[in-house]
Structures are given as C-alpha cells and as structure tokens.
mmCIF file of all heavy atoms, coordinates in Angstrom:
data_MODEL
# 
_entry.id   MODEL 
# 
loop_
_atom_site.group_PDB 
_atom_site.id 
_atom_site.type_symbol 
_atom_site.label_atom_id 
_atom_site.label_alt_id 
_atom_site.label_comp_id 
_atom_site.label_asym_id 
_atom_site.label_entity_id 
_atom_site.label_seq_id 
_atom_site.pdbx_PDB_ins_code 
_atom_site.Cartn_x 
_atom_site.Cartn_y 
_atom_site.Cartn_z 
_atom_site.occupancy 
_atom_site.B_iso_or_equiv 
_atom_site.pdbx_formal_charge 
_atom_site.auth_seq_id 
_atom_site.auth_comp_id 
_atom_site.auth_asym_id 
_atom_site.auth_atom_id 
_atom_site.pdbx_PDB_model_num 
ATOM 1   N N   . TRP A 1 1  ? 179.214 -12.750 211.691 1.00 0.00 ? 1  TRP A N   1 
ATOM 2   C CA  . TRP A 1 1  ? 180.580 -12.348 211.917 1.00 0.00 ? 1  TRP A CA  1 
ATOM 3   C C   . TRP A 1 1  ? 180.715 -11.743 213.299 1.00 0.00 ? 1  TRP A C   1 
ATOM 4   O O   . TRP A 1 1  ? 179.844 -10.943 213.714 1.00 0.00 ? 1  TRP A O   1 
ATOM 5   C CB  . TRP A 1 1  ? 181.015 -11.337 210.859 1.00 0.00 ? 1  TRP A CB  1 
ATOM 6   C CG  . TRP A 1 1  ? 182.381 -10.943 211.000 1.00 0.00 ? 1  TRP A CG  1 
ATOM 7   C CD1 . TRP A 1 1  ? 183.470 -11.510 210.343 1.00 0.00 ? 1  TRP A CD1 1 
ATOM 8   C CD2 . TRP A 1 1  ? 183.020 -9.974  211.823 1.00 0.00 ? 1  TRP A CD2 1 
ATOM 9   N NE1 . TRP A 1 1  ? 184.649 -10.901 210.655 1.00 0.00 ? 1  TRP A NE1 1 
ATOM 10  C CE2 . TRP A 1 1  ? 184.444 -9.928  211.632 1.00 0.00 ? 1  TRP A CE2 1 
ATOM 11  C CE3 . TRP A 1 1  ? 182.468 -9.077  212.785 1.00 0.00 ? 1  TRP A CE3 1 
ATOM 12  C CZ2 . TRP A 1 1  ? 185.263 -9.122  212.291 1.00 0.00 ? 1  TRP A CZ2 1 
ATOM 13  C CZ3 . TRP A 1 1  ? 183.333 -8.202  213.391 1.00 0.00 ? 1  TRP A CZ3 1 
ATOM 14  C CH2 . TRP A 1 1  ? 184.722 -8.163  213.204 1.00 0.00 ? 1  TRP A CH2 1 
ATOM 15  N N   . PRO A 1 2  ? 181.747 -12.054 214.001 1.00 0.00 ? 2  PRO A N   1 
ATOM 16  C CA  . PRO A 1 2  ? 182.719 -13.165 213.757 1.00 0.00 ? 2  PRO A CA  1 
ATOM 17  C C   . PRO A 1 2  ? 182.098 -14.363 214.453 1.00 0.00 ? 2  PRO A C   1 
ATOM 18  O O   . PRO A 1 2  ? 181.521 -14.222 215.549 1.00 0.00 ? 2  PRO A O   1 
ATOM 19  C CB  . PRO A 1 2  ? 183.955 -12.637 214.469 1.00 0.00 ? 2  PRO A CB  1 
ATOM 20  C CG  . PRO A 1 2  ? 183.515 -11.804 215.606 1.00 0.00 ? 2  PRO A CG  1 
ATOM 21  C CD  . PRO A 1 2  ? 182.258 -11.147 215.054 1.00 0.00 ? 2  PRO A CD  1 
ATOM 22  N N   . ILE A 1 3  ? 182.239 -15.547 213.962 1.00 0.00 ? 3  ILE A N   1 
ATOM 23  C CA  . ILE A 1 3  ? 181.519 -16.684 214.462 1.00 0.00 ? 3  ILE A CA  1 
ATOM 24  C C   . ILE A 1 3  ? 182.276 -17.393 215.567 1.00 0.00 ? 3  ILE A C   1 
ATOM 25  O O   . ILE A 1 3  ? 181.731 -18.207 216.291 1.00 0.00 ? 3  ILE A O   1 
ATOM 26  C CB  . ILE A 1 3  ? 181.207 -17.660 213.300 1.00 0.00 ? 3  ILE A CB  1 
ATOM 27  C CG1 . ILE A 1 3  ? 182.404 -18.236 212.764 1.00 0.00 ? 3  ILE A CG1 1 
ATOM 28  C CG2 . ILE A 1 3  ? 180.331 -17.105 212.300 1.00 0.00 ? 3  ILE A CG2 1 
ATOM 29  C CD1 . ILE A 1 3  ? 182.141 -19.387 211.813 1.00 0.00 ? 3  ILE A CD1 1 
ATOM 30  N N   . SER A 1 4  ? 183.568 -17.019 215.868 1.00 0.00 ? 4  SER A N   1 
ATOM 31  C CA  . SER A 1 4  ? 184.287 -17.768 216.845 1.00 0.00 ? 4  SER A CA  1 
ATOM 32  C C   . SER A 1 4  ? 184.815 -16.862 217.944 1.00 0.00 ? 4  SER A C   1 
ATOM 33  O O   . SER A 1 4  ? 185.525 -17.369 218.856 1.00 0.00 ? 4  SER A O   1 
ATOM 34  C CB  . SER A 1 4  ? 185.482 -18.589 216.171 1.00 0.00 ? 4  SER A CB  1 
ATOM 35  O OG  . SER A 1 4  ? 186.381 -17.635 215.658 1.00 0.00 ? 4  SER A OG  1 
ATOM 36  N N   . ASN A 1 5  ? 184.603 -15.594 217.934 1.00 0.00 ? 5  ASN A N   1 
ATOM 37  C CA  . ASN A 1 5  ? 185.200 -14.666 218.864 1.00 0.00 ? 5  ASN A CA  1 
ATOM 38  C C   . ASN A 1 5  ? 184.222 -14.379 219.955 1.00 0.00 ? 5  ASN A C   1 
ATOM 39  O O   . ASN A 1 5  ? 183.246 -13.597 219.735 1.00 0.00 ? 5  ASN A O   1 
ATOM 40  C CB  . ASN A 1 5  ? 185.663 -13.374 218.137 1.00 0.00 ? 5  ASN A CB  1 
ATOM 41  C CG  . ASN A 1 5  ? 186.444 -12.476 219.009 1.00 0.00 ? 5  ASN A CG  1 
ATOM 42  O OD1 . ASN A 1 5  ? 186.455 -12.648 220.272 1.00 0.00 ? 5  ASN A OD1 1 
ATOM 43  N ND2 . ASN A 1 5  ? 187.166 -11.508 218.445 1.00 0.00 ? 5  ASN A ND2 1 
ATOM 44  N N   . SER A 1 6  ? 184.425 -14.965 221.068 1.00 0.00 ? 6  SER A N   1 
ATOM 45  C CA  . SER A 1 6  ? 183.455 -14.846 222.208 1.00 0.00 ? 6  SER A CA  1 
ATOM 46  C C   . SER A 1 6  ? 183.454 -13.428 222.843 1.00 0.00 ? 6  SER A C   1 
ATOM 47  O O   . SER A 1 6  ? 182.587 -13.092 223.605 1.00 0.00 ? 6  SER A O   1 
ATOM 48  C CB  . SER A 1 6  ? 183.726 -15.867 223.288 1.00 0.00 ? 6  SER A CB  1 
ATOM 49  O OG  . SER A 1 6  ? 185.035 -15.662 223.813 1.00 0.00 ? 6  SER A OG  1 
ATOM 50  N N   . ASN A 1 7  ? 184.528 -12.608 222.472 1.00 0.00 ? 7  ASN A N   1 
ATOM 51  C CA  . ASN A 1 7  ? 184.622 -11.284 223.060 1.00 0.00 ? 7  ASN A CA  1 
ATOM 52  C C   . ASN A 1 7  ? 183.805 -10.268 222.303 1.00 0.00 ? 7  ASN A C   1 
ATOM 53  O O   . ASN A 1 7  ? 183.757 -9.082  222.736 1.00 0.00 ? 7  ASN A O   1 
ATOM 54  C CB  . ASN A 1 7  ? 186.082 -10.812 223.107 1.00 0.00 ? 7  ASN A CB  1 
ATOM 55  C CG  . ASN A 1 7  ? 186.858 -11.736 224.085 1.00 0.00 ? 7  ASN A CG  1 
ATOM 56  O OD1 . ASN A 1 7  ? 186.390 -12.107 225.130 1.00 0.00 ? 7  ASN A OD1 1 
ATOM 57  N ND2 . ASN A 1 7  ? 188.105 -12.071 223.659 1.00 0.00 ? 7  ASN A ND2 1 
ATOM 58  N N   . VAL A 1 8  ? 183.359 -10.620 221.105 1.00 0.00 ? 8  VAL A N   1 
ATOM 59  C CA  . VAL A 1 8  ? 182.629 -9.688  220.267 1.00 0.00 ? 8  VAL A CA  1 
ATOM 60  C C   . VAL A 1 8  ? 181.212 -10.254 220.027 1.00 0.00 ? 8  VAL A C   1 
ATOM 61  O O   . VAL A 1 8  ? 181.086 -11.436 219.692 1.00 0.00 ? 8  VAL A O   1 
ATOM 62  C CB  . VAL A 1 8  ? 183.359 -9.397  218.915 1.00 0.00 ? 8  VAL A CB  1 
ATOM 63  C CG1 . VAL A 1 8  ? 182.626 -8.471  218.063 1.00 0.00 ? 8  VAL A CG1 1 
ATOM 64  C CG2 . VAL A 1 8  ? 184.799 -8.985  219.195 1.00 0.00 ? 8  VAL A CG2 1 
ATOM 65  N N   . ASP A 1 9  ? 180.207 -9.408  220.143 1.00 0.00 ? 9  ASP A N   1 
ATOM 66  C CA  . ASP A 1 9  ? 178.888 -9.873  219.859 1.00 0.00 ? 9  ASP A CA  1 
ATOM 67  C C   . ASP A 1 9  ? 178.803 -10.252 218.384 1.00 0.00 ? 9  ASP A C   1 
ATOM 68  O O   . ASP A 1 9  ? 179.230 -9.618  217.468 1.00 0.00 ? 9  ASP A O   1 
ATOM 69  C CB  . ASP A 1 9  ? 177.872 -8.699  220.144 1.00 0.00 ? 9  ASP A CB  1 
ATOM 70  C CG  . ASP A 1 9  ? 177.747 -8.482  221.660 1.00 0.00 ? 9  ASP A CG  1 
ATOM 71  O OD1 . ASP A 1 9  ? 177.925 -9.389  222.394 1.00 0.00 ? 9  ASP A OD1 1 
ATOM 72  O OD2 . ASP A 1 9  ? 177.427 -7.315  221.921 1.00 0.00 ? 9  ASP A OD2 1 
ATOM 73  N N   . MET A 1 10 ? 178.124 -11.458 218.152 1.00 0.00 ? 10 MET A N   1 
ATOM 74  C CA  . MET A 1 10 ? 177.897 -11.820 216.766 1.00 0.00 ? 10 MET A CA  1 
ATOM 75  C C   . MET A 1 10 ? 176.840 -10.991 216.185 1.00 0.00 ? 10 MET A C   1 
ATOM 76  O O   . MET A 1 10 ? 175.906 -10.546 216.787 1.00 0.00 ? 10 MET A O   1 
ATOM 77  C CB  . MET A 1 10 ? 177.511 -13.318 216.701 1.00 0.00 ? 10 MET A CB  1 
ATOM 78  C CG  . MET A 1 10 ? 178.580 -14.256 217.090 1.00 0.00 ? 10 MET A CG  1 
ATOM 79  S SD  . MET A 1 10 ? 178.145 -15.992 216.693 1.00 0.00 ? 10 MET A SD  1 
ATOM 80  C CE  . MET A 1 10 ? 176.687 -16.186 217.686 1.00 0.00 ? 10 MET A CE  1 
ATOM 81  N N   . PHE A 1 11 ? 176.964 -10.706 214.859 1.00 0.00 ? 11 PHE A N   1 
ATOM 82  C CA  . PHE A 1 11 ? 175.849 -10.018 214.144 1.00 0.00 ? 11 PHE A CA  1 
ATOM 83  C C   . PHE A 1 11 ? 175.791 -10.528 212.728 1.00 0.00 ? 11 PHE A C   1 
ATOM 84  O O   . PHE A 1 11 ? 176.765 -11.155 212.209 1.00 0.00 ? 11 PHE A O   1 
ATOM 85  C CB  . PHE A 1 11 ? 176.083 -8.510  214.129 1.00 0.00 ? 11 PHE A CB  1 
ATOM 86  C CG  . PHE A 1 11 ? 177.293 -8.056  213.364 1.00 0.00 ? 11 PHE A CG  1 
ATOM 87  C CD1 . PHE A 1 11 ? 177.209 -7.755  212.036 1.00 0.00 ? 11 PHE A CD1 1 
ATOM 88  C CD2 . PHE A 1 11 ? 178.557 -7.928  214.000 1.00 0.00 ? 11 PHE A CD2 1 
ATOM 89  C CE1 . PHE A 1 11 ? 178.321 -7.291  211.293 1.00 0.00 ? 11 PHE A CE1 1 
ATOM 90  C CE2 . PHE A 1 11 ? 179.629 -7.517  213.312 1.00 0.00 ? 11 PHE A CE2 1 
ATOM 91  C CZ  . PHE A 1 11 ? 179.543 -7.202  211.950 1.00 0.00 ? 11 PHE A CZ  1 
ATOM 92  N N   . GLU A 1 12 ? 174.632 -10.387 212.135 1.00 0.00 ? 12 GLU A N   1 
ATOM 93  C CA  . GLU A 1 12 ? 174.443 -10.869 210.835 1.00 0.00 ? 12 GLU A CA  1 
ATOM 94  C C   . GLU A 1 12 ? 174.624 -9.727  209.841 1.00 0.00 ? 12 GLU A C   1 
ATOM 95  O O   . GLU A 1 12 ? 174.214 -8.623  210.012 1.00 0.00 ? 12 GLU A O   1 
ATOM 96  C CB  . GLU A 1 12 ? 172.995 -11.411 210.726 1.00 0.00 ? 12 GLU A CB  1 
ATOM 97  C CG  . GLU A 1 12 ? 172.713 -12.246 209.515 1.00 0.00 ? 12 GLU A CG  1 
ATOM 98  C CD  . GLU A 1 12 ? 171.344 -12.996 209.569 1.00 0.00 ? 12 GLU A CD  1 
ATOM 99  O OE1 . GLU A 1 12 ? 170.405 -12.250 210.124 1.00 0.00 ? 12 GLU A OE1 1 
ATOM 100 O OE2 . GLU A 1 12 ? 171.213 -14.056 209.035 1.00 0.00 ? 12 GLU A OE2 1 
ATOM 101 N N   . TYR A 1 13 ? 175.340 -9.980  208.754 1.00 0.00 ? 13 TYR A N   1 
ATOM 102 C CA  . TYR A 1 13 ? 175.557 -9.044  207.703 1.00 0.00 ? 13 TYR A CA  1 
ATOM 103 C C   . TYR A 1 13 ? 175.196 -9.570  206.354 1.00 0.00 ? 13 TYR A C   1 
ATOM 104 O O   . TYR A 1 13 ? 175.103 -10.779 206.164 1.00 0.00 ? 13 TYR A O   1 
ATOM 105 C CB  . TYR A 1 13 ? 176.974 -8.555  207.768 1.00 0.00 ? 13 TYR A CB  1 
ATOM 106 C CG  . TYR A 1 13 ? 178.060 -9.488  207.329 1.00 0.00 ? 13 TYR A CG  1 
ATOM 107 C CD1 . TYR A 1 13 ? 178.456 -9.607  205.995 1.00 0.00 ? 13 TYR A CD1 1 
ATOM 108 C CD2 . TYR A 1 13 ? 178.643 -10.379 208.269 1.00 0.00 ? 13 TYR A CD2 1 
ATOM 109 C CE1 . TYR A 1 13 ? 179.419 -10.498 205.532 1.00 0.00 ? 13 TYR A CE1 1 
ATOM 110 C CE2 . TYR A 1 13 ? 179.630 -11.293 207.791 1.00 0.00 ? 13 TYR A CE2 1 
ATOM 111 C CZ  . TYR A 1 13 ? 180.006 -11.352 206.507 1.00 0.00 ? 13 TYR A CZ  1 
ATOM 112 O OH  . TYR A 1 13 ? 180.951 -12.275 206.034 1.00 0.00 ? 13 TYR A OH  1 
ATOM 113 N N   . GLN A 1 14 ? 174.998 -8.632  205.418 1.00 0.00 ? 14 GLN A N   1 
ATOM 114 C CA  . GLN A 1 14 ? 174.610 -8.974  204.057 1.00 0.00 ? 14 GLN A CA  1 
ATOM 115 C C   . GLN A 1 14 ? 175.881 -9.244  203.194 1.00 0.00 ? 14 GLN A C   1 
ATOM 116 O O   . GLN A 1 14 ? 176.820 -8.424  203.201 1.00 0.00 ? 14 GLN A O   1 
ATOM 117 C CB  . GLN A 1 14 ? 173.734 -7.917  203.447 1.00 0.00 ? 14 GLN A CB  1 
ATOM 118 C CG  . GLN A 1 14 ? 172.485 -7.675  204.160 1.00 0.00 ? 14 GLN A CG  1 
ATOM 119 C CD  . GLN A 1 14 ? 172.065 -6.218  204.161 1.00 0.00 ? 14 GLN A CD  1 
ATOM 120 O OE1 . GLN A 1 14 ? 172.758 -5.333  203.648 1.00 0.00 ? 14 GLN A OE1 1 
ATOM 121 N NE2 . GLN A 1 14 ? 170.877 -5.957  204.666 1.00 0.00 ? 14 GLN A NE2 1 
ATOM 122 N N   . THR A 1 15 ? 175.922 -10.341 202.516 1.00 0.00 ? 15 THR A N   1 
ATOM 123 C CA  . THR A 1 15 ? 177.084 -10.747 201.754 1.00 0.00 ? 15 THR A CA  1 
ATOM 124 C C   . THR A 1 15 ? 177.094 -10.066 200.336 1.00 0.00 ? 15 THR A C   1 
ATOM 125 O O   . THR A 1 15 ? 178.190 -10.039 199.741 1.00 0.00 ? 15 THR A O   1 
ATOM 126 C CB  . THR A 1 15 ? 177.165 -12.251 201.574 1.00 0.00 ? 15 THR A CB  1 
ATOM 127 O OG1 . THR A 1 15 ? 175.959 -12.609 200.773 1.00 0.00 ? 15 THR A OG1 1 
ATOM 128 C CG2 . THR A 1 15 ? 177.169 -13.001 202.884 1.00 0.00 ? 15 THR A CG2 1 
ATOM 129 N N   . GLY A 1 16 ? 175.936 -9.592  199.868 1.00 0.00 ? 16 GLY A N   1 
ATOM 130 C CA  . GLY A 1 16 ? 175.903 -8.969  198.600 1.00 0.00 ? 16 GLY A CA  1 
ATOM 131 C C   . GLY A 1 16 ? 175.425 -9.939  197.480 1.00 0.00 ? 16 GLY A C   1 
ATOM 132 O O   . GLY A 1 16 ? 175.274 -9.483  196.352 1.00 0.00 ? 16 GLY A O   1 
ATOM 133 N N   . ILE A 1 17 ? 175.175 -11.142 197.836 1.00 0.00 ? 17 ILE A N   1 
ATOM 134 C CA  . ILE A 1 17 ? 174.714 -12.120 196.859 1.00 0.00 ? 17 ILE A CA  1 
ATOM 135 C C   . ILE A 1 17 ? 173.388 -11.655 196.265 1.00 0.00 ? 17 ILE A C   1 
ATOM 136 O O   . ILE A 1 17 ? 173.132 -11.832 195.044 1.00 0.00 ? 17 ILE A O   1 
ATOM 137 C CB  . ILE A 1 17 ? 174.563 -13.473 197.471 1.00 0.00 ? 17 ILE A CB  1 
ATOM 138 C CG1 . ILE A 1 17 ? 175.904 -14.059 197.960 1.00 0.00 ? 17 ILE A CG1 1 
ATOM 139 C CG2 . ILE A 1 17 ? 173.935 -14.543 196.483 1.00 0.00 ? 17 ILE A CG2 1 
ATOM 140 C CD1 . ILE A 1 17 ? 176.963 -14.092 196.863 1.00 0.00 ? 17 ILE A CD1 1 
ATOM 141 N N   . ASP A 1 18 ? 172.527 -11.040 197.025 1.00 0.00 ? 18 ASP A N   1 
ATOM 142 C CA  . ASP A 1 18 ? 171.249 -10.540 196.555 1.00 0.00 ? 18 ASP A CA  1 
ATOM 143 C C   . ASP A 1 18 ? 171.545 -9.472  195.443 1.00 0.00 ? 18 ASP A C   1 
ATOM 144 O O   . ASP A 1 18 ? 170.760 -9.345  194.471 1.00 0.00 ? 18 ASP A O   1 
ATOM 145 C CB  . ASP A 1 18 ? 170.411 -9.929  197.643 1.00 0.00 ? 18 ASP A CB  1 
ATOM 146 C CG  . ASP A 1 18 ? 169.645 -11.092 198.384 1.00 0.00 ? 18 ASP A CG  1 
ATOM 147 O OD1 . ASP A 1 18 ? 169.605 -12.150 197.927 1.00 0.00 ? 18 ASP A OD1 1 
ATOM 148 O OD2 . ASP A 1 18 ? 169.167 -10.756 199.536 1.00 0.00 ? 18 ASP A OD2 1 
ATOM 149 N N   . ASP A 1 19 ? 172.553 -8.657  195.566 1.00 0.00 ? 19 ASP A N   1 
ATOM 150 C CA  . ASP A 1 19 ? 172.900 -7.642  194.646 1.00 0.00 ? 19 ASP A CA  1 
ATOM 151 C C   . ASP A 1 19 ? 173.327 -8.325  193.310 1.00 0.00 ? 19 ASP A C   1 
ATOM 152 O O   . ASP A 1 19 ? 172.952 -7.798  192.252 1.00 0.00 ? 19 ASP A O   1 
ATOM 153 C CB  . ASP A 1 19 ? 174.021 -6.762  195.157 1.00 0.00 ? 19 ASP A CB  1 
ATOM 154 C CG  . ASP A 1 19 ? 173.593 -6.031  196.495 1.00 0.00 ? 19 ASP A CG  1 
ATOM 155 O OD1 . ASP A 1 19 ? 173.778 -6.648  197.524 1.00 0.00 ? 19 ASP A OD1 1 
ATOM 156 O OD2 . ASP A 1 19 ? 173.109 -4.899  196.316 1.00 0.00 ? 19 ASP A OD2 1 
ATOM 157 N N   . ILE A 1 20 ? 173.999 -9.418  193.406 1.00 0.00 ? 20 ILE A N   1 
ATOM 158 C CA  . ILE A 1 20 ? 174.459 -10.129 192.234 1.00 0.00 ? 20 ILE A CA  1 
ATOM 159 C C   . ILE A 1 20 ? 173.279 -10.744 191.519 1.00 0.00 ? 20 ILE A C   1 
ATOM 160 O O   . ILE A 1 20 ? 173.112 -10.600 190.232 1.00 0.00 ? 20 ILE A O   1 
ATOM 161 C CB  . ILE A 1 20 ? 175.430 -11.193 192.555 1.00 0.00 ? 20 ILE A CB  1 
ATOM 162 C CG1 . ILE A 1 20 ? 176.696 -10.599 193.165 1.00 0.00 ? 20 ILE A CG1 1 
ATOM 163 C CG2 . ILE A 1 20 ? 175.774 -12.023 191.349 1.00 0.00 ? 20 ILE A CG2 1 
ATOM 164 C CD1 . ILE A 1 20 ? 177.744 -11.666 193.706 1.00 0.00 ? 20 ILE A CD1 1 
ATOM 165 N N   . ARG A 1 21 ? 172.368 -11.290 192.241 1.00 0.00 ? 21 ARG A N   1 
ATOM 166 C CA  . ARG A 1 21 ? 171.150 -11.897 191.637 1.00 0.00 ? 21 ARG A CA  1 
ATOM 167 C C   . ARG A 1 21 ? 170.322 -10.895 191.009 1.00 0.00 ? 21 ARG A C   1 
ATOM 168 O O   . ARG A 1 21 ? 169.693 -11.038 189.965 1.00 0.00 ? 21 ARG A O   1 
ATOM 169 C CB  . ARG A 1 21 ? 170.378 -12.676 192.703 1.00 0.00 ? 21 ARG A CB  1 
ATOM 170 C CG  . ARG A 1 21 ? 171.128 -13.917 193.181 1.00 0.00 ? 21 ARG A CG  1 
ATOM 171 C CD  . ARG A 1 21 ? 170.418 -14.640 194.319 1.00 0.00 ? 21 ARG A CD  1 
ATOM 172 N NE  . ARG A 1 21 ? 171.189 -15.819 194.704 1.00 0.00 ? 21 ARG A NE  1 
ATOM 173 C CZ  . ARG A 1 21 ? 171.374 -16.234 196.007 1.00 0.00 ? 21 ARG A CZ  1 
ATOM 174 N NH1 . ARG A 1 21 ? 170.915 -15.494 196.964 1.00 0.00 ? 21 ARG A NH1 1 
ATOM 175 N NH2 . ARG A 1 21 ? 172.087 -17.284 196.206 1.00 0.00 ? 21 ARG A NH2 1 
ATOM 176 N N   . ALA A 1 22 ? 170.275 -9.708  191.624 1.00 0.00 ? 22 ALA A N   1 
ATOM 177 C CA  . ALA A 1 22 ? 169.540 -8.555  190.990 1.00 0.00 ? 22 ALA A CA  1 
ATOM 178 C C   . ALA A 1 22 ? 170.180 -8.166  189.688 1.00 0.00 ? 22 ALA A C   1 
ATOM 179 O O   . ALA A 1 22 ? 169.435 -7.883  188.656 1.00 0.00 ? 22 ALA A O   1 
ATOM 180 C CB  . ALA A 1 22 ? 169.474 -7.371  191.985 1.00 0.00 ? 22 ALA A CB  1 
ATOM 181 N N   . GLY A 1 23 ? 171.426 -8.092  189.619 1.00 0.00 ? 23 GLY A N   1 
ATOM 182 C CA  . GLY A 1 23 ? 172.157 -7.756  188.426 1.00 0.00 ? 23 GLY A CA  1 
ATOM 183 C C   . GLY A 1 23 ? 171.929 -8.804  187.257 1.00 0.00 ? 23 GLY A C   1 
ATOM 184 O O   . GLY A 1 23 ? 171.792 -8.429  186.104 1.00 0.00 ? 23 GLY A O   1 
ATOM 185 N N   . LEU A 1 24 ? 171.892 -10.006 187.602 1.00 0.00 ? 24 LEU A N   1 
ATOM 186 C CA  . LEU A 1 24 ? 171.771 -11.144 186.705 1.00 0.00 ? 24 LEU A CA  1 
ATOM 187 C C   . LEU A 1 24 ? 170.282 -11.283 186.173 1.00 0.00 ? 24 LEU A C   1 
ATOM 188 O O   . LEU A 1 24 ? 170.089 -11.865 185.110 1.00 0.00 ? 24 LEU A O   1 
ATOM 189 C CB  . LEU A 1 24 ? 172.196 -12.465 187.290 1.00 0.00 ? 24 LEU A CB  1 
ATOM 190 C CG  . LEU A 1 24 ? 173.715 -12.587 187.557 1.00 0.00 ? 24 LEU A CG  1 
ATOM 191 C CD1 . LEU A 1 24 ? 173.992 -13.832 188.371 1.00 0.00 ? 24 LEU A CD1 1 
ATOM 192 C CD2 . LEU A 1 24 ? 174.419 -12.682 186.208 1.00 0.00 ? 24 LEU A CD2 1 
ATOM 193 N N   . THR A 1 25 ? 169.348 -10.776 186.922 1.00 0.00 ? 25 THR A N   1 
ATOM 194 C CA  . THR A 1 25 ? 167.926 -10.950 186.556 1.00 0.00 ? 25 THR A CA  1 
ATOM 195 C C   . THR A 1 25 ? 167.330 -9.604  186.017 1.00 0.00 ? 25 THR A C   1 
ATOM 196 O O   . THR A 1 25 ? 166.142 -9.623  185.614 1.00 0.00 ? 25 THR A O   1 
ATOM 197 C CB  . THR A 1 25 ? 167.103 -11.454 187.717 1.00 0.00 ? 25 THR A CB  1 
ATOM 198 O OG1 . THR A 1 25 ? 167.275 -10.610 188.853 1.00 0.00 ? 25 THR A OG1 1 
ATOM 199 C CG2 . THR A 1 25 ? 167.514 -12.862 188.096 1.00 0.00 ? 25 THR A CG2 1 
ATOM 200 N N   . ARG A 1 26 ? 168.099 -8.571  186.032 1.00 0.00 ? 26 ARG A N   1 
ATOM 201 C CA  . ARG A 1 26 ? 167.575 -7.254  185.587 1.00 0.00 ? 26 ARG A CA  1 
ATOM 202 C C   . ARG A 1 26 ? 167.228 -7.250  184.076 1.00 0.00 ? 26 ARG A C   1 
ATOM 203 O O   . ARG A 1 26 ? 168.002 -7.807  183.284 1.00 0.00 ? 26 ARG A O   1 
ATOM 204 C CB  . ARG A 1 26 ? 168.591 -6.186  185.871 1.00 0.00 ? 26 ARG A CB  1 
ATOM 205 C CG  . ARG A 1 26 ? 168.133 -4.773  185.572 1.00 0.00 ? 26 ARG A CG  1 
ATOM 206 C CD  . ARG A 1 26 ? 169.086 -3.723  186.218 1.00 0.00 ? 26 ARG A CD  1 
ATOM 207 N NE  . ARG A 1 26 ? 170.390 -3.777  185.728 1.00 0.00 ? 26 ARG A NE  1 
ATOM 208 C CZ  . ARG A 1 26 ? 170.807 -3.062  184.692 1.00 0.00 ? 26 ARG A CZ  1 
ATOM 209 N NH1 . ARG A 1 26 ? 169.903 -2.319  184.018 1.00 0.00 ? 26 ARG A NH1 1 
ATOM 210 N NH2 . ARG A 1 26 ? 172.043 -3.075  184.319 1.00 0.00 ? 26 ARG A NH2 1 
ATOM 211 N N   . ASP A 1 27 ? 166.112 -6.681  183.681 1.00 0.00 ? 27 ASP A N   1 
ATOM 212 C CA  . ASP A 1 27 ? 165.729 -6.581  182.276 1.00 0.00 ? 27 ASP A CA  1 
ATOM 213 C C   . ASP A 1 27 ? 166.644 -5.600  181.631 1.00 0.00 ? 27 ASP A C   1 
ATOM 214 O O   . ASP A 1 27 ? 166.875 -4.447  182.097 1.00 0.00 ? 27 ASP A O   1 
ATOM 215 C CB  . ASP A 1 27 ? 164.287 -6.117  182.144 1.00 0.00 ? 27 ASP A CB  1 
ATOM 216 C CG  . ASP A 1 27 ? 163.269 -7.155  182.650 1.00 0.00 ? 27 ASP A CG  1 
ATOM 217 O OD1 . ASP A 1 27 ? 163.672 -8.344  182.554 1.00 0.00 ? 27 ASP A OD1 1 
ATOM 218 O OD2 . ASP A 1 27 ? 162.148 -6.831  183.072 1.00 0.00 ? 27 ASP A OD2 1 
ATOM 219 N N   . VAL A 1 28 ? 167.230 -5.916  180.514 1.00 0.00 ? 28 VAL A N   1 
ATOM 220 C CA  . VAL A 1 28 ? 168.047 -5.076  179.712 1.00 0.00 ? 28 VAL A CA  1 
ATOM 221 C C   . VAL A 1 28 ? 167.728 -5.195  178.234 1.00 0.00 ? 28 VAL A C   1 
ATOM 222 O O   . VAL A 1 28 ? 167.138 -6.241  177.852 1.00 0.00 ? 28 VAL A O   1 
ATOM 223 C CB  . VAL A 1 28 ? 169.581 -5.315  179.882 1.00 0.00 ? 28 VAL A CB  1 
ATOM 224 C CG1 . VAL A 1 28 ? 170.029 -5.002  181.315 1.00 0.00 ? 28 VAL A CG1 1 
ATOM 225 C CG2 . VAL A 1 28 ? 169.874 -6.823  179.593 1.00 0.00 ? 28 VAL A CG2 1 
ATOM 226 N N   . ASP A 1 29 ? 168.017 -4.205  177.458 1.00 0.00 ? 29 ASP A N   1 
ATOM 227 C CA  . ASP A 1 29 ? 167.817 -4.224  176.056 1.00 0.00 ? 29 ASP A CA  1 
ATOM 228 C C   . ASP A 1 29 ? 168.691 -5.213  175.366 1.00 0.00 ? 29 ASP A C   1 
ATOM 229 O O   . ASP A 1 29 ? 169.857 -5.186  175.651 1.00 0.00 ? 29 ASP A O   1 
ATOM 230 C CB  . ASP A 1 29 ? 168.008 -2.845  175.449 1.00 0.00 ? 29 ASP A CB  1 
ATOM 231 C CG  . ASP A 1 29 ? 167.523 -2.676  174.068 1.00 0.00 ? 29 ASP A CG  1 
ATOM 232 O OD1 . ASP A 1 29 ? 167.797 -3.599  173.233 1.00 0.00 ? 29 ASP A OD1 1 
ATOM 233 O OD2 . ASP A 1 29 ? 166.938 -1.561  173.699 1.00 0.00 ? 29 ASP A OD2 1 
# 
C-alpha cells in the first residue's frame, strides 16, 4: 500500500489473514 501513488513510498502490511487462520486452527474443547 499504496500501489499506484508515486508520491508515497510503498510498504508491505499485514492483512490479518494469518490471524483468521490461527482462529480457525486453534484447539478448542
């Protein structure tokens, strides 16, 4: 983000998908 704005340095950020996968694979009673 942002992928098209040449005036701002691009940077990589976490979307949170890993957090969802952690919730779906967590051991629960």
